[in-house]
Amino acid sequence: VRAVVAVLPVLPIAWMMHAALRYLREIDELQRRIETEAIGAASLLVALVYFAGGMLEKAEVIAMDAGIAMIWVFPMLCGIYGIAKMILTRRYQ
C-alpha cells in the first residue's frame, strides 16, 4: 500500500508528459525547434548538475540524501526548461 501511495503523484505527471508530446506533434517547425532545444538544454544541464552532485557526494565534499536528490530532478528539469524556453523564444523573435 505504501508503494502505491508513494507513486500516485507519478500518474498526473505521466498524463502531463503525454499531453506535452501531443502538443509537440501539433506545433509548427519553429516552435518545435524552440521546444526541442529547451528540453535538450534542460536535460543536459540537470544531468550535469546531478552528476557533479554525485561526484561531490562520492568524494565526501557534500552530504546529500539520494532520495531527496532524485525527487528534485523533475522540478529542476521543469524550471530550467522554462528558463531555456524564455531565452530561446527571445532569440528567435
C-alpha atoms as a PDB file:
ATOM      1  CA  VAL A   1       0.000   0.000   0.000  1.00  0.00           C
ATOM      2  CA  ARG A   2       2.861   2.386   0.810  1.00  0.00           C
ATOM      3  CA  ALA A   3       4.351   1.813  -2.638  1.00  0.00           C
ATOM      4  CA  VAL A   4       1.052   2.609  -4.365  1.00  0.00           C
ATOM      5  CA  VAL A   5       0.592   5.793  -2.339  1.00  0.00           C
ATOM      6  CA  ALA A   6       4.221   6.785  -2.966  1.00  0.00           C
ATOM      7  CA  VAL A   7       3.873   6.583  -6.753  1.00  0.00           C
ATOM      8  CA  LEU A   8       0.421   8.182  -7.018  1.00  0.00           C
ATOM      9  CA  PRO A   9       1.910  11.592  -7.984  1.00  0.00           C
ATOM     10  CA  VAL A  10       3.540   9.885 -10.964  1.00  0.00           C
ATOM     11  CA  LEU A  11       0.168   9.337 -12.678  1.00  0.00           C
ATOM     12  CA  PRO A  12      -0.707  13.011 -13.280  1.00  0.00           C
ATOM     13  CA  ILE A  13       2.896  13.695 -14.307  1.00  0.00           C
ATOM     14  CA  ALA A  14       2.713  10.867 -16.859  1.00  0.00           C
ATOM     15  CA  TRP A  15      -0.558  12.323 -18.171  1.00  0.00           C
ATOM     16  CA  MET A  16       1.110  15.733 -18.437  1.00  0.00           C
ATOM     17  CA  MET A  17       4.033  14.220 -20.364  1.00  0.00           C
ATOM     18  CA  HIS A  18       1.602  12.564 -22.766  1.00  0.00           C
ATOM     19  CA  ALA A  19      -0.091  15.939 -23.315  1.00  0.00           C
ATOM     20  CA  ALA A  20       3.302  17.593 -23.894  1.00  0.00           C
ATOM     21  CA  LEU A  21       4.201  15.029 -26.561  1.00  0.00           C
ATOM     22  CA  ARG A  22       0.824  15.564 -28.234  1.00  0.00           C
ATOM     23  CA  TYR A  23       1.485  19.330 -28.150  1.00  0.00           C
ATOM     24  CA  LEU A  24       4.921  18.818 -29.758  1.00  0.00           C
ATOM     25  CA  ARG A  25       3.322  16.919 -32.639  1.00  0.00           C
ATOM     26  CA  GLU A  26       0.825  19.707 -33.336  1.00  0.00           C
ATOM     27  CA  ILE A  27       3.026  22.831 -33.362  1.00  0.00           C
ATOM     28  CA  ASP A  28       4.862  24.407 -36.302  1.00  0.00           C
ATOM     29  CA  GLU A  29       8.540  23.857 -37.088  1.00  0.00           C
ATOM     30  CA  LEU A  30       9.925  26.967 -35.369  1.00  0.00           C
ATOM     31  CA  GLN A  31       8.019  26.359 -32.159  1.00  0.00           C
ATOM     32  CA  ARG A  32       9.020  22.689 -32.259  1.00  0.00           C
ATOM     33  CA  ARG A  33      12.663  23.727 -32.614  1.00  0.00           C
ATOM     34  CA  ILE A  34      12.382  26.064 -29.618  1.00  0.00           C
ATOM     35  CA  GLU A  35      10.699  23.363 -27.525  1.00  0.00           C
ATOM     36  CA  THR A  36      13.208  20.695 -28.524  1.00  0.00           C
ATOM     37  CA  GLU A  37      16.214  22.909 -27.825  1.00  0.00           C
ATOM     38  CA  ALA A  38      14.766  23.958 -24.460  1.00  0.00           C
ATOM     39  CA  ILE A  39      14.098  20.337 -23.480  1.00  0.00           C
ATOM     40  CA  GLY A  40      17.576  19.304 -24.616  1.00  0.00           C
ATOM     41  CA  ALA A  41      19.331  22.149 -22.810  1.00  0.00           C
ATOM     42  CA  ALA A  42      17.379  21.491 -19.610  1.00  0.00           C
ATOM     43  CA  SER A  43      18.079  17.760 -19.746  1.00  0.00           C
ATOM     44  CA  LEU A  44      21.788  18.257 -20.292  1.00  0.00           C
ATOM     45  CA  LEU A  45      22.113  20.872 -17.556  1.00  0.00           C
ATOM     46  CA  VAL A  46      20.183  18.806 -14.998  1.00  0.00           C
ATOM     47  CA  ALA A  47      22.242  15.734 -15.900  1.00  0.00           C
ATOM     48  CA  LEU A  48      25.445  17.751 -15.430  1.00  0.00           C
ATOM     49  CA  VAL A  49      24.321  19.113 -12.042  1.00  0.00           C
ATOM     50  CA  TYR A  50      23.153  15.671 -10.883  1.00  0.00           C
ATOM     51  CA  PHE A  51      26.434  14.080 -11.997  1.00  0.00           C
ATOM     52  CA  ALA A  52      28.505  16.803 -10.314  1.00  0.00           C
ATOM     53  CA  GLY A  53      26.473  16.350  -7.130  1.00  0.00           C
ATOM     54  CA  GLY A  54      27.094  12.609  -7.252  1.00  0.00           C
ATOM     55  CA  MET A  55      30.817  13.122  -7.708  1.00  0.00           C
ATOM     56  CA  LEU A  56      30.938  15.611  -4.818  1.00  0.00           C
ATOM     57  CA  GLU A  57      28.959  13.170  -2.661  1.00  0.00           C
ATOM     58  CA  LYS A  58      31.314  10.319  -3.548  1.00  0.00           C
ATOM     59  CA  ALA A  59      34.349  12.495  -2.721  1.00  0.00           C
ATOM     60  CA  GLU A  60      32.670  13.291   0.613  1.00  0.00           C
ATOM     61  CA  VAL A  61      32.718  17.029  -0.095  1.00  0.00           C
ATOM     62  CA  ILE A  62      28.964  17.298   0.465  1.00  0.00           C
ATOM     63  CA  ALA A  63      26.453  15.056   2.195  1.00  0.00           C
ATOM     64  CA  MET A  64      23.237  14.601   0.239  1.00  0.00           C
ATOM     65  CA  ASP A  65      20.348  12.207   0.712  1.00  0.00           C
ATOM     66  CA  ALA A  66      19.920  10.318  -2.575  1.00  0.00           C
ATOM     67  CA  GLY A  67      16.128  10.165  -2.212  1.00  0.00           C
ATOM     68  CA  ILE A  68      15.859  13.928  -1.867  1.00  0.00           C
ATOM     69  CA  ALA A  69      18.216  14.435  -4.818  1.00  0.00           C
ATOM     70  CA  MET A  70      16.097  12.147  -7.010  1.00  0.00           C
ATOM     71  CA  ILE A  71      12.884  13.938  -6.049  1.00  0.00           C
ATOM     72  CA  TRP A  72      14.361  17.285  -7.155  1.00  0.00           C
ATOM     73  CA  VAL A  73      15.390  16.111 -10.638  1.00  0.00           C
ATOM     74  CA  PHE A  74      11.964  16.608 -12.246  1.00  0.00           C
ATOM     75  CA  PRO A  75      11.254  20.045 -10.691  1.00  0.00           C
ATOM     76  CA  MET A  76      14.742  21.195 -11.728  1.00  0.00           C
ATOM     77  CA  LEU A  77      14.117  19.911 -15.238  1.00  0.00           C
ATOM     78  CA  CYS A  78      10.832  21.814 -15.452  1.00  0.00           C
ATOM     79  CA  GLY A  79      12.310  25.034 -14.072  1.00  0.00           C
ATOM     80  CA  ILE A  80      15.368  25.033 -16.304  1.00  0.00           C
ATOM     81  CA  TYR A  81      13.189  24.123 -19.294  1.00  0.00           C
ATOM     82  CA  GLY A  82      11.046  27.202 -18.603  1.00  0.00           C
ATOM     83  CA  ILE A  83      14.070  29.481 -18.390  1.00  0.00           C
ATOM     84  CA  ALA A  84      15.619  27.969 -21.533  1.00  0.00           C
ATOM     85  CA  LYS A  85      12.336  28.348 -23.412  1.00  0.00           C
ATOM     86  CA  MET A  86      12.114  32.041 -22.490  1.00  0.00           C
ATOM     87  CA  ILE A  87      15.693  32.641 -23.660  1.00  0.00           C
ATOM     88  CA  LEU A  88      15.216  30.698 -26.898  1.00  0.00           C
ATOM     89  CA  THR A  89      11.895  32.395 -27.656  1.00  0.00           C
ATOM     90  CA  ARG A  90      13.570  35.787 -27.385  1.00  0.00           C
ATOM     91  CA  ARG A  91      16.409  34.647 -29.619  1.00  0.00           C
ATOM     92  CA  TYR A  92      14.080  33.530 -32.418  1.00  0.00           C
ATOM     93  CA  GLN A  93      11.786  36.568 -32.345  1.00  0.00           C
END
